[in-house]
Every structure is written in structure tokens, then in C-alpha cells.
Amino acid sequence: MIRREFLFGLGALLISHAGTTQQDQTQQTSLLSKGFVKTTLGPDAYFEVHGNSKGPNLFLGSPVFSRVANPAHVKLQTEIKEGYIKHLGGGYRLLMSDYSHLQGKETGPEETRLTVENVCKDYLAIADAAKVDSFAAVGYSWGGNAVLQLATRSPRVIALVVGGWPALDGPYKYMLEFIQELHKQNPDRAEMVHYINYYRSLQDWPQKSEVAKLTCPRLNFVDTADNDDTNFIATLRKNADALHKMGWETAEVTSGAGHAGGLMPDVACPLIGSFLARHMKKTSA
């Protein structure tokens, strides 16, 4: 269940499903700025900017950062956040936000929440609020799919890292059916409606043509043990040649912990850092 909950964005290891959120109370010597921005979900998204104020912009998407209510999850989430800052903050200006794990009173029609177009609109609103124009975008699992969608819709993404999600042959139909069934079994978990909306809005998305049209530097990586139900590592290996012909780079990481392990800073950041070092100098004057 942990792996699947990563896939539809809830991050069972990283967030709680009830209660109020709280800010990280650890010392944040790298913090450059912070703030809130209105989102289409209703609650404001909280964001922080860390790292090198003069470095290229790097938007770290879900689930690198989340403000959590459950004390059992605070330590792990803090370690992930601080790990990314440690590995990447020296050379980059890091933008991170608690979107889409927002709790509170929501506004607007339920059926419009977290559609792919609204997710992209909210990501750009967060970047605007943080005074970030063009940026490299990095996401993992559901967040990997979200930054992929953003890159196909906005020229502001100048480099792209899609982790824990296959850039080709993503399981959009499977995820919609899976979350719909899970929602039937757990009707009190209203946040599932958001992810039903998200995957429903992608059912007719032309994956191959949209992925092929991207021209920015782009990397797709998956953990070698990510071989459960959706078997992302097999999908990546099957499509590696096709992605390379489209100009993508592909990579495999080994965490020993399967899908969720590919997010961990010591596993993901060396690969991300190496990729960005080869490309961001060319795109950031």
C-alpha cells in the first residue's frame, strides 16, 4: 500500500490524513524566502526557497517537501527535505512547496480539483510567488508525472527530471481504476477524489506525441526494485531506446527499498546533480 499511495500522491510515509499541518521546526540556515500562494484546491500552498541565491532555479516537486501533522512522519520528511538541500542547495536556488498535500476548507466545484490543468496552473502560481521565472523541474512518483505534465505545457521548464514514473506508457488507466476502487472501500478519505480527478483528466492524453515534443534536457529514472504491480523498471527498460531517440536520458538507481527508496536524497540527488551540472550551465547564463 505504501508504494501505491506514493503513486497517487498521498505519500503514506510522508503525510498524515487528518489534523492540521505544522512547519518544520528545525534550523533552516539555507532558507532564502517563504510564503503562501492561493491555489485552485482552496487552501493556500506554503513554499520555501533554499540554497544558493545566485544559482539556477530548481523546482523540487512532490513529495520532497510536506508539512505534516503526525509526529511519526516529521523526522523522515525533515531528513528528505534537508538531504535535498544538502546535496543540491550549494549550486541551486531550490523552490519547494507542500502542494498538493493541502488540508483545510476547500472551495470551488469538487470535480475541478486537482485536474492536470489546475495542477500546472498551481505550480506556475507557486513559482510566480517565489519570483522564479524559468526553472528545472524535478518530481518523483505522482510528482514525477506532475512535472512531466508541466513541461509539456509551459516553456518555463528548462530542464526536467521525472523520477519514479515512466515518461512513456504511464499507467493512467490503471491508476484511475485503482483509486476509484480504493475510494469505494474508504469513502471517508475525501482527498482521493482529487486524484480520481487528476487521472480522469489524463485518460485521453497523447503520451507519445507530447513526450516527443519536449526539447529541454530531460531525464527519466526508476529504482531497479520498482517491479511491483505497475513494474516501472520493466517499462523504463522497454522504452529506453525510444526515449533516447526522442532525446531523453534514462537511468536506474538502486536503493534496496523499491519504489519509495528512489526518492531518498542519497539515492536520487547524486544522479539529479550530475544531470543538472551537465545541462543547467548551458541554459542558465
C-alpha atoms as a PDB file:
ATOM      1  CA  MET A   1       0.000   0.000   0.000  1.00  0.00           C
ATOM      2  CA  ILE A   2       2.831   2.413   0.688  1.00  0.00           C
ATOM      3  CA  ARG A   3       4.053   2.137  -2.906  1.00  0.00           C
ATOM      4  CA  ARG A   4       0.604   2.654  -4.350  1.00  0.00           C
ATOM      5  CA  GLU A   5      -0.112   5.630  -2.138  1.00  0.00           C
ATOM      6  CA  PHE A   6       3.066   7.276  -3.418  1.00  0.00           C
ATOM      7  CA  LEU A   7       1.724   6.694  -6.910  1.00  0.00           C
ATOM      8  CA  PHE A   8      -1.441   8.654  -6.415  1.00  0.00           C
ATOM      9  CA  GLY A   9       0.198  11.393  -4.444  1.00  0.00           C
ATOM     10  CA  LEU A  10      -0.721  10.777  -0.822  1.00  0.00           C
ATOM     11  CA  GLY A  11       2.739   9.677   0.282  1.00  0.00           C
ATOM     12  CA  ALA A  12       1.688   7.401   3.122  1.00  0.00           C
ATOM     13  CA  LEU A  13       5.171   7.502   4.587  1.00  0.00           C
ATOM     14  CA  LEU A  14       5.348  11.266   4.461  1.00  0.00           C
ATOM     15  CA  ILE A  15       1.983  12.779   5.368  1.00  0.00           C
ATOM     16  CA  SER A  16      -0.936  12.156   7.665  1.00  0.00           C
ATOM     17  CA  HIS A  17      -4.535  12.010   6.560  1.00  0.00           C
ATOM     18  CA  ALA A  18      -6.009  14.124   9.347  1.00  0.00           C
ATOM     19  CA  GLY A  19      -5.243  17.034  11.612  1.00  0.00           C
ATOM     20  CA  THR A  20      -3.559  20.356  10.959  1.00  0.00           C
ATOM     21  CA  THR A  21      -0.210  20.889   9.327  1.00  0.00           C
ATOM     22  CA  GLN A  22       2.806  22.374  11.014  1.00  0.00           C
ATOM     23  CA  GLN A  23       6.006  23.992   9.875  1.00  0.00           C
ATOM     24  CA  ASP A  24       9.351  22.286  10.181  1.00  0.00           C
ATOM     25  CA  GLN A  25      10.890  23.480  13.439  1.00  0.00           C
ATOM     26  CA  THR A  26      14.455  22.560  12.534  1.00  0.00           C
ATOM     27  CA  GLN A  27      17.014  25.273  11.930  1.00  0.00           C
ATOM     28  CA  GLN A  28      16.854  26.430   8.332  1.00  0.00           C
ATOM     29  CA  THR A  29      20.120  28.210   7.735  1.00  0.00           C
ATOM     30  CA  SER A  30      19.658  27.843   3.993  1.00  0.00           C
ATOM     31  CA  LEU A  31      16.225  29.498   3.927  1.00  0.00           C
ATOM     32  CA  LEU A  32      16.112  32.413   1.473  1.00  0.00           C
ATOM     33  CA  SER A  33      12.382  33.140   1.483  1.00  0.00           C
ATOM     34  CA  LYS A  34       8.993  31.635   2.236  1.00  0.00           C
ATOM     35  CA  GLY A  35       5.358  32.436   1.721  1.00  0.00           C
ATOM     36  CA  PHE A  36       1.864  31.329   0.760  1.00  0.00           C
ATOM     37  CA  VAL A  37       0.029  31.343  -2.555  1.00  0.00           C
ATOM     38  CA  LYS A  38      -3.625  30.807  -3.430  1.00  0.00           C
ATOM     39  CA  THR A  39      -4.334  27.527  -5.248  1.00  0.00           C
ATOM     40  CA  THR A  40      -7.227  26.024  -7.147  1.00  0.00           C
ATOM     41  CA  LEU A  41      -7.568  23.490  -4.312  1.00  0.00           C
ATOM     42  CA  GLY A  42      -8.837  26.230  -1.974  1.00  0.00           C
ATOM     43  CA  PRO A  43      -6.160  26.246   0.767  1.00  0.00           C
ATOM     44  CA  ASP A  44      -3.042  28.314   0.185  1.00  0.00           C
ATOM     45  CA  ALA A  45       0.118  26.398  -0.671  1.00  0.00           C
ATOM     46  CA  TYR A  46       3.113  27.062   1.538  1.00  0.00           C
ATOM     47  CA  PHE A  47       6.503  27.342  -0.167  1.00  0.00           C
ATOM     48  CA  GLU A  48      10.127  27.812   0.817  1.00  0.00           C
ATOM     49  CA  VAL A  49      13.186  28.812  -1.202  1.00  0.00           C
ATOM     50  CA  HIS A  50      16.547  27.451  -0.067  1.00  0.00           C
ATOM     51  CA  GLY A  51      20.132  27.223  -1.226  1.00  0.00           C
ATOM     52  CA  ASN A  52      22.247  29.430  -3.449  1.00  0.00           C
ATOM     53  CA  SER A  53      20.505  32.756  -4.114  1.00  0.00           C
ATOM     54  CA  LYS A  54      22.529  33.224  -7.312  1.00  0.00           C
ATOM     55  CA  GLY A  55      22.195  29.668  -8.607  1.00  0.00           C
ATOM     56  CA  PRO A  56      19.885  28.374 -11.343  1.00  0.00           C
ATOM     57  CA  ASN A  57      16.294  27.799 -10.230  1.00  0.00           C
ATOM     58  CA  LEU A  58      15.276  24.257  -9.328  1.00  0.00           C
ATOM     59  CA  PHE A  59      11.627  23.460  -8.524  1.00  0.00           C
ATOM     60  CA  LEU A  60      11.525  20.331  -6.348  1.00  0.00           C
ATOM     61  CA  GLY A  61       8.039  18.916  -6.785  1.00  0.00           C
ATOM     62  CA  SER A  62       6.111  16.412  -4.697  1.00  0.00           C
ATOM     63  CA  PRO A  63       6.888  14.668  -2.414  1.00  0.00           C
ATOM     64  CA  VAL A  64      10.247  16.209  -1.433  1.00  0.00           C
ATOM     65  CA  PHE A  65       8.607  18.635   0.992  1.00  0.00           C
ATOM     66  CA  SER A  66       5.454  18.297   3.071  1.00  0.00           C
ATOM     67  CA  ARG A  67       4.331  19.900   6.295  1.00  0.00           C
ATOM     68  CA  VAL A  68       2.996  17.074   8.369  1.00  0.00           C
ATOM     69  CA  ALA A  69       0.786  16.626  11.422  1.00  0.00           C
ATOM     70  CA  ASN A  70       1.774  13.134  12.505  1.00  0.00           C
ATOM     71  CA  PRO A  71       4.921  13.309  14.672  1.00  0.00           C
ATOM     72  CA  ALA A  72       5.947   9.854  13.478  1.00  0.00           C
ATOM     73  CA  HIS A  73       6.467  11.254   9.986  1.00  0.00           C
ATOM     74  CA  VAL A  74       8.197  14.527  10.813  1.00  0.00           C
ATOM     75  CA  LYS A  75      11.669  13.025  11.206  1.00  0.00           C
ATOM     76  CA  LEU A  76      11.588  11.203   7.870  1.00  0.00           C
ATOM     77  CA  GLN A  77      10.172  14.174   5.982  1.00  0.00           C
ATOM     78  CA  THR A  78      12.737  16.514   7.540  1.00  0.00           C
ATOM     79  CA  GLU A  79      15.556  14.144   6.592  1.00  0.00           C
ATOM     80  CA  ILE A  80      14.359  14.046   2.985  1.00  0.00           C
ATOM     81  CA  LYS A  81      13.988  17.812   2.752  1.00  0.00           C
ATOM     82  CA  GLU A  82      17.316  18.559   4.420  1.00  0.00           C
ATOM     83  CA  GLY A  83      19.017  15.881   2.324  1.00  0.00           C
ATOM     84  CA  TYR A  84      17.954  17.547  -0.917  1.00  0.00           C
ATOM     85  CA  ILE A  85      19.081  20.913   0.403  1.00  0.00           C
ATOM     86  CA  LYS A  86      22.450  19.469   1.444  1.00  0.00           C
ATOM     87  CA  HIS A  87      23.058  17.778  -1.914  1.00  0.00           C
ATOM     88  CA  LEU A  88      21.691  20.436  -4.259  1.00  0.00           C
ATOM     89  CA  GLY A  89      21.445  23.703  -2.323  1.00  0.00           C
ATOM     90  CA  GLY A  90      25.077  24.683  -2.803  1.00  0.00           C
ATOM     91  CA  GLY A  91      24.652  25.166  -6.531  1.00  0.00           C
ATOM     92  CA  TYR A  92      20.954  25.831  -6.993  1.00  0.00           C
ATOM     93  CA  ARG A  93      18.143  28.027  -5.762  1.00  0.00           C
ATOM     94  CA  LEU A  94      15.659  25.413  -4.541  1.00  0.00           C
ATOM     95  CA  LEU A  95      11.914  26.032  -4.554  1.00  0.00           C
ATOM     96  CA  MET A  96       9.789  23.517  -2.654  1.00  0.00           C
ATOM     97  CA  SER A  97       6.131  23.509  -1.645  1.00  0.00           C
ATOM     98  CA  ASP A  98       3.633  21.439   0.335  1.00  0.00           C
ATOM     99  CA  TYR A  99       1.344  21.289  -2.705  1.00  0.00           C
ATOM    100  CA  SER A 100      -0.646  19.077  -3.293  1.00  0.00           C
ATOM    101  CA  HIS A 101      -0.841  17.738   0.262  1.00  0.00           C
ATOM    102  CA  LEU A 102      -3.085  20.575   1.432  1.00  0.00           C
ATOM    103  CA  GLN A 103      -5.631  20.352   4.217  1.00  0.00           C
ATOM    104  CA  GLY A 104      -8.307  22.806   5.213  1.00  0.00           C
ATOM    105  CA  LYS A 105     -11.523  24.313   3.898  1.00  0.00           C
ATOM    106  CA  GLU A 106     -11.707  23.856   0.162  1.00  0.00           C
ATOM    107  CA  THR A 107     -13.588  25.994  -2.312  1.00  0.00           C
ATOM    108  CA  GLY A 108     -14.826  25.547  -5.858  1.00  0.00           C
ATOM    109  CA  PRO A 109     -16.506  22.571  -7.548  1.00  0.00           C
ATOM    110  CA  GLU A 110     -15.201  19.236  -6.335  1.00  0.00           C
ATOM    111  CA  GLU A 111     -14.924  17.884  -9.871  1.00  0.00           C
ATOM    112  CA  THR A 112     -12.373  20.551 -10.848  1.00  0.00           C
ATOM    113  CA  ARG A 113      -9.931  19.995  -8.003  1.00  0.00           C
ATOM    114  CA  LEU A 114      -6.528  18.643  -8.989  1.00  0.00           C
ATOM    115  CA  THR A 115      -7.227  18.223 -12.682  1.00  0.00           C
ATOM    116  CA  VAL A 116      -3.975  18.248 -14.641  1.00  0.00           C
ATOM    117  CA  GLU A 117      -4.598  21.762 -15.965  1.00  0.00           C
ATOM    118  CA  ASN A 118      -5.179  23.076 -12.447  1.00  0.00           C
ATOM    119  CA  VAL A 119      -2.083  21.331 -11.121  1.00  0.00           C
ATOM    120  CA  CYS A 120       0.031  23.031 -13.784  1.00  0.00           C
ATOM    121  CA  LYS A 121      -1.652  26.363 -13.079  1.00  0.00           C
ATOM    122  CA  ASP A 122      -0.915  25.981  -9.364  1.00  0.00           C
ATOM    123  CA  TYR A 123       2.723  25.005  -9.954  1.00  0.00           C
ATOM    124  CA  LEU A 124       3.247  28.149 -12.021  1.00  0.00           C
ATOM    125  CA  ALA A 125       1.470  30.268  -9.393  1.00  0.00           C
ATOM    126  CA  ILE A 126       3.874  28.924  -6.759  1.00  0.00           C
ATOM    127  CA  ALA A 127       6.830  29.764  -8.994  1.00  0.00           C
ATOM    128  CA  ASP A 128       5.445  33.270  -9.564  1.00  0.00           C
ATOM    129  CA  ALA A 129       5.016  33.840  -5.833  1.00  0.00           C
ATOM    130  CA  ALA A 130       8.611  32.747  -5.235  1.00  0.00           C
ATOM    131  CA  LYS A 131       9.818  35.085  -8.022  1.00  0.00           C
ATOM    132  CA  VAL A 132      11.046  32.125 -10.055  1.00  0.00           C
ATOM    133  CA  ASP A 133      10.755  32.566 -13.816  1.00  0.00           C
ATOM    134  CA  SER A 134      12.369  29.687 -15.732  1.00  0.00           C
ATOM    135  CA  PHE A 135      13.433  26.607 -13.794  1.00  0.00           C
ATOM    136  CA  ALA A 136      14.474  22.979 -13.839  1.00  0.00           C
ATOM    137  CA  ALA A 137      11.640  20.790 -12.551  1.00  0.00           C
ATOM    138  CA  VAL A 138      12.161  17.615 -10.520  1.00  0.00           C
ATOM    139  CA  GLY A 139       9.427  15.313  -9.242  1.00  0.00           C
ATOM    140  CA  TYR A 140       9.058  11.755  -8.005  1.00  0.00           C
ATOM    141  CA  SER A 141       6.205   9.246  -8.349  1.00  0.00           C
ATOM    142  CA  TRP A 142       2.977  11.265  -8.688  1.00  0.00           C
ATOM    143  CA  GLY A 143       5.188  14.350  -8.548  1.00  0.00           C
ATOM    144  CA  GLY A 144       7.246  12.962 -11.434  1.00  0.00           C
ATOM    145  CA  ASN A 145       4.146  12.747 -13.561  1.00  0.00           C
ATOM    146  CA  ALA A 146       3.097  16.254 -12.474  1.00  0.00           C
ATOM    147  CA  VAL A 147       6.368  17.874 -13.615  1.00  0.00           C
ATOM    148  CA  LEU A 148       6.183  15.899 -16.866  1.00  0.00           C
ATOM    149  CA  GLN A 149       2.742  17.371 -17.481  1.00  0.00           C
ATOM    150  CA  LEU A 150       4.004  20.843 -16.607  1.00  0.00           C
ATOM    151  CA  ALA A 151       6.946  20.585 -19.002  1.00  0.00           C
ATOM    152  CA  THR A 152       4.649  19.713 -21.908  1.00  0.00           C
ATOM    153  CA  ARG A 153       2.512  22.769 -21.139  1.00  0.00           C
ATOM    154  CA  SER A 154       4.965  25.504 -20.161  1.00  0.00           C
ATOM    155  CA  PRO A 155       8.196  26.784 -21.774  1.00  0.00           C
ATOM    156  CA  ARG A 156       9.304  27.930 -18.322  1.00  0.00           C
ATOM    157  CA  VAL A 157      10.590  24.385 -17.631  1.00  0.00           C
ATOM    158  CA  ILE A 158      14.148  24.459 -18.989  1.00  0.00           C
ATOM    159  CA  ALA A 159      15.275  21.047 -17.672  1.00  0.00           C
ATOM    160  CA  LEU A 160      13.232  18.097 -16.476  1.00  0.00           C
ATOM    161  CA  VAL A 161      13.798  15.142 -14.141  1.00  0.00           C
ATOM    162  CA  VAL A 162      10.989  12.579 -13.953  1.00  0.00           C
ATOM    163  CA  GLY A 163      11.680  10.061 -11.178  1.00  0.00           C
ATOM    164  CA  GLY A 164       9.642   7.039 -10.118  1.00  0.00           C
ATOM    165  CA  TRP A 165       7.291   7.331 -13.074  1.00  0.00           C
ATOM    166  CA  PRO A 166       7.759   6.167 -16.681  1.00  0.00           C
ATOM    167  CA  ALA A 167       7.817   9.019 -19.182  1.00  0.00           C
ATOM    168  CA  LEU A 168       6.268   6.633 -21.716  1.00  0.00           C
ATOM    169  CA  ASP A 169       3.492   4.112 -21.041  1.00  0.00           C
ATOM    170  CA  GLY A 170       2.467   5.656 -17.733  1.00  0.00           C
ATOM    171  CA  PRO A 171      -0.350   3.651 -16.068  1.00  0.00           C
ATOM    172  CA  TYR A 172      -3.032   6.342 -16.299  1.00  0.00           C
ATOM    173  CA  LYS A 173      -5.949   3.945 -16.797  1.00  0.00           C
ATOM    174  CA  TYR A 174      -4.738   1.581 -14.092  1.00  0.00           C
ATOM    175  CA  MET A 175      -4.295   4.385 -11.564  1.00  0.00           C
ATOM    176  CA  LEU A 176      -7.762   5.789 -12.211  1.00  0.00           C
ATOM    177  CA  GLU A 177      -9.387   2.396 -11.751  1.00  0.00           C
ATOM    178  CA  PHE A 178      -7.271   1.606  -8.692  1.00  0.00           C
ATOM    179  CA  ILE A 179      -8.075   4.858  -6.886  1.00  0.00           C
ATOM    180  CA  GLN A 180     -11.771   4.631  -7.751  1.00  0.00           C
ATOM    181  CA  GLU A 181     -11.876   1.165  -6.198  1.00  0.00           C
ATOM    182  CA  LEU A 182      -9.891   2.277  -3.154  1.00  0.00           C
ATOM    183  CA  HIS A 183     -12.248   5.229  -2.691  1.00  0.00           C
ATOM    184  CA  LYS A 184     -15.214   2.845  -2.651  1.00  0.00           C
ATOM    185  CA  GLN A 185     -13.514   0.932   0.142  1.00  0.00           C
ATOM    186  CA  ASN A 186     -12.530   4.115   2.020  1.00  0.00           C
ATOM    187  CA  PRO A 187     -15.260   6.717   1.302  1.00  0.00           C
ATOM    188  CA  ASP A 188     -14.178   8.890   4.236  1.00  0.00           C
ATOM    189  CA  ARG A 189     -10.853   9.652   2.564  1.00  0.00           C
ATOM    190  CA  ALA A 190     -12.141  12.609   0.565  1.00  0.00           C
ATOM    191  CA  GLU A 191      -8.675  13.503  -0.732  1.00  0.00           C
ATOM    192  CA  MET A 192      -8.877  10.505  -3.059  1.00  0.00           C
ATOM    193  CA  VAL A 193     -11.433  12.411  -5.134  1.00  0.00           C
ATOM    194  CA  HIS A 194      -8.633  14.818  -6.083  1.00  0.00           C
ATOM    195  CA  TYR A 195      -6.517  12.036  -7.547  1.00  0.00           C
ATOM    196  CA  ILE A 196      -9.507  10.481  -9.288  1.00  0.00           C
ATOM    197  CA  ASN A 197      -9.981  13.873 -10.946  1.00  0.00           C
ATOM    198  CA  TYR A 198      -6.304  14.046 -11.814  1.00  0.00           C
ATOM    199  CA  TYR A 199      -6.080  10.692 -13.571  1.00  0.00           C
ATOM    200  CA  ARG A 200      -9.501  11.091 -15.173  1.00  0.00           C
ATOM    201  CA  SER A 201      -8.265  14.326 -16.759  1.00  0.00           C
ATOM    202  CA  LEU A 202      -5.357  12.391 -18.325  1.00  0.00           C
ATOM    203  CA  GLN A 203      -7.250   9.479 -19.872  1.00  0.00           C
ATOM    204  CA  ASP A 204      -7.040  10.932 -23.373  1.00  0.00           C
ATOM    205  CA  TRP A 205      -3.586  12.472 -23.003  1.00  0.00           C
ATOM    206  CA  PRO A 206      -1.492  11.550 -26.087  1.00  0.00           C
ATOM    207  CA  GLN A 207       1.598  10.352 -24.229  1.00  0.00           C
ATOM    208  CA  LYS A 208       3.917   9.580 -27.110  1.00  0.00           C
ATOM    209  CA  SER A 209       3.420  12.793 -29.080  1.00  0.00           C
ATOM    210  CA  GLU A 210       3.533  15.014 -26.011  1.00  0.00           C
ATOM    211  CA  VAL A 211       6.666  13.365 -24.603  1.00  0.00           C
ATOM    212  CA  ALA A 212       8.331  13.510 -28.021  1.00  0.00           C
ATOM    213  CA  LYS A 213       7.770  17.252 -28.435  1.00  0.00           C
ATOM    214  CA  LEU A 214       9.909  18.183 -25.435  1.00  0.00           C
ATOM    215  CA  THR A 215      13.264  19.764 -26.285  1.00  0.00           C
ATOM    216  CA  CYS A 216      14.689  20.778 -22.903  1.00  0.00           C
ATOM    217  CA  PRO A 217      17.280  18.487 -21.261  1.00  0.00           C
ATOM    218  CA  ARG A 218      15.288  15.625 -19.734  1.00  0.00           C
ATOM    219  CA  LEU A 219      15.953  12.579 -17.592  1.00  0.00           C
ATOM    220  CA  ASN A 220      13.720   9.641 -16.632  1.00  0.00           C
ATOM    221  CA  PHE A 221      14.892   7.386 -13.782  1.00  0.00           C
ATOM    222  CA  VAL A 222      13.418   4.456 -11.864  1.00  0.00           C
ATOM    223  CA  ASP A 223      14.604   2.275  -8.987  1.00  0.00           C
ATOM    224  CA  THR A 224      15.765  -1.194 -10.049  1.00  0.00           C
ATOM    225  CA  ALA A 225      13.458  -2.796  -7.449  1.00  0.00           C
ATOM    226  CA  ASP A 226      10.422  -0.827  -8.612  1.00  0.00           C
ATOM    227  CA  ASN A 227       8.884  -4.000 -10.011  1.00  0.00           C
ATOM    228  CA  ASP A 228       5.584  -4.473  -8.201  1.00  0.00           C
ATOM    229  CA  ASP A 229       2.089  -4.205  -9.755  1.00  0.00           C
ATOM    230  CA  THR A 230       2.891  -1.477 -12.324  1.00  0.00           C
ATOM    231  CA  ASN A 231       6.534  -2.646 -12.780  1.00  0.00           C
ATOM    232  CA  PHE A 232       8.047   0.722 -13.643  1.00  0.00           C
ATOM    233  CA  ILE A 233      11.563  -0.617 -14.087  1.00  0.00           C
ATOM    234  CA  ALA A 234      10.393  -3.018 -16.832  1.00  0.00           C
ATOM    235  CA  THR A 235       8.526  -0.164 -18.517  1.00  0.00           C
ATOM    236  CA  LEU A 236      11.598   2.082 -18.441  1.00  0.00           C
ATOM    237  CA  ARG A 237      13.823  -0.653 -19.867  1.00  0.00           C
ATOM    238  CA  LYS A 238      11.289  -1.472 -22.590  1.00  0.00           C
ATOM    239  CA  ASN A 239      11.079   2.164 -23.680  1.00  0.00           C
ATOM    240  CA  ALA A 240      14.709   3.225 -23.162  1.00  0.00           C
ATOM    241  CA  ASP A 241      15.623   3.112 -26.859  1.00  0.00           C
ATOM    242  CA  ALA A 242      12.501   5.038 -27.861  1.00  0.00           C
ATOM    243  CA  LEU A 243      13.207   7.678 -25.217  1.00  0.00           C
ATOM    244  CA  HIS A 244      16.830   8.006 -26.309  1.00  0.00           C
ATOM    245  CA  LYS A 245      15.707   8.580 -29.900  1.00  0.00           C
ATOM    246  CA  MET A 246      13.472  11.374 -28.592  1.00  0.00           C
ATOM    247  CA  GLY A 247      16.455  12.977 -26.851  1.00  0.00           C
ATOM    248  CA  TRP A 248      15.776  11.742 -23.319  1.00  0.00           C
ATOM    249  CA  GLU A 249      18.358  10.358 -20.920  1.00  0.00           C
ATOM    250  CA  THR A 250      17.392   7.346 -18.802  1.00  0.00           C
ATOM    251  CA  ALA A 251      18.918   5.924 -15.640  1.00  0.00           C
ATOM    252  CA  GLU A 252      18.383   3.285 -12.987  1.00  0.00           C
ATOM    253  CA  VAL A 253      19.060   3.735  -9.272  1.00  0.00           C
ATOM    254  CA  THR A 254      19.287   1.076  -6.588  1.00  0.00           C
ATOM    255  CA  SER A 255      18.066   1.904  -3.100  1.00  0.00           C
ATOM    256  CA  GLY A 256      17.261  -1.559  -1.803  1.00  0.00           C
ATOM    257  CA  ALA A 257      13.851  -0.204  -0.793  1.00  0.00           C
ATOM    258  CA  GLY A 258      11.852  -0.331  -4.011  1.00  0.00           C
ATOM    259  CA  HIS A 259       9.666   2.496  -5.267  1.00  0.00           C
ATOM    260  CA  ALA A 260       9.791   4.756  -2.205  1.00  0.00           C
ATOM    261  CA  GLY A 261      13.547   4.301  -1.869  1.00  0.00           C
ATOM    262  CA  GLY A 262      14.208   6.013  -5.178  1.00  0.00           C
ATOM    263  CA  LEU A 263      13.134   9.300  -3.624  1.00  0.00           C
ATOM    264  CA  MET A 264      15.749   9.239  -0.858  1.00  0.00           C
ATOM    265  CA  PRO A 265      18.361  12.036  -1.126  1.00  0.00           C
ATOM    266  CA  ASP A 266      21.440   9.800  -1.044  1.00  0.00           C
ATOM    267  CA  VAL A 267      19.984   7.752  -3.897  1.00  0.00           C
ATOM    268  CA  ALA A 268      18.370  10.382  -6.124  1.00  0.00           C
ATOM    269  CA  CYS A 269      20.439  13.524  -5.593  1.00  0.00           C
ATOM    270  CA  PRO A 270      23.796  12.349  -6.996  1.00  0.00           C
ATOM    271  CA  LEU A 271      22.025  11.400 -10.235  1.00  0.00           C
ATOM    272  CA  ILE A 272      19.979  14.617 -10.340  1.00  0.00           C
ATOM    273  CA  GLY A 273      23.039  16.722  -9.527  1.00  0.00           C
ATOM    274  CA  SER A 274      25.145  15.104 -12.233  1.00  0.00           C
ATOM    275  CA  PHE A 275      22.398  15.568 -14.839  1.00  0.00           C
ATOM    276  CA  LEU A 276      21.823  19.217 -13.952  1.00  0.00           C
ATOM    277  CA  ALA A 277      25.547  20.004 -13.851  1.00  0.00           C
ATOM    278  CA  ARG A 278      25.829  18.859 -17.458  1.00  0.00           C
ATOM    279  CA  HIS A 279      22.873  20.888 -18.684  1.00  0.00           C
ATOM    280  CA  MET A 280      21.975  23.843 -16.494  1.00  0.00           C
ATOM    281  CA  LYS A 281      25.176  25.752 -17.307  1.00  0.00           C
ATOM    282  CA  LYS A 282      24.037  25.732 -20.923  1.00  0.00           C
ATOM    283  CA  THR A 283      20.587  27.055 -20.108  1.00  0.00           C
ATOM    284  CA  SER A 284      21.392  29.459 -17.252  1.00  0.00           C
ATOM    285  CA  ALA A 285      23.544  32.423 -18.176  1.00  0.00           C
END
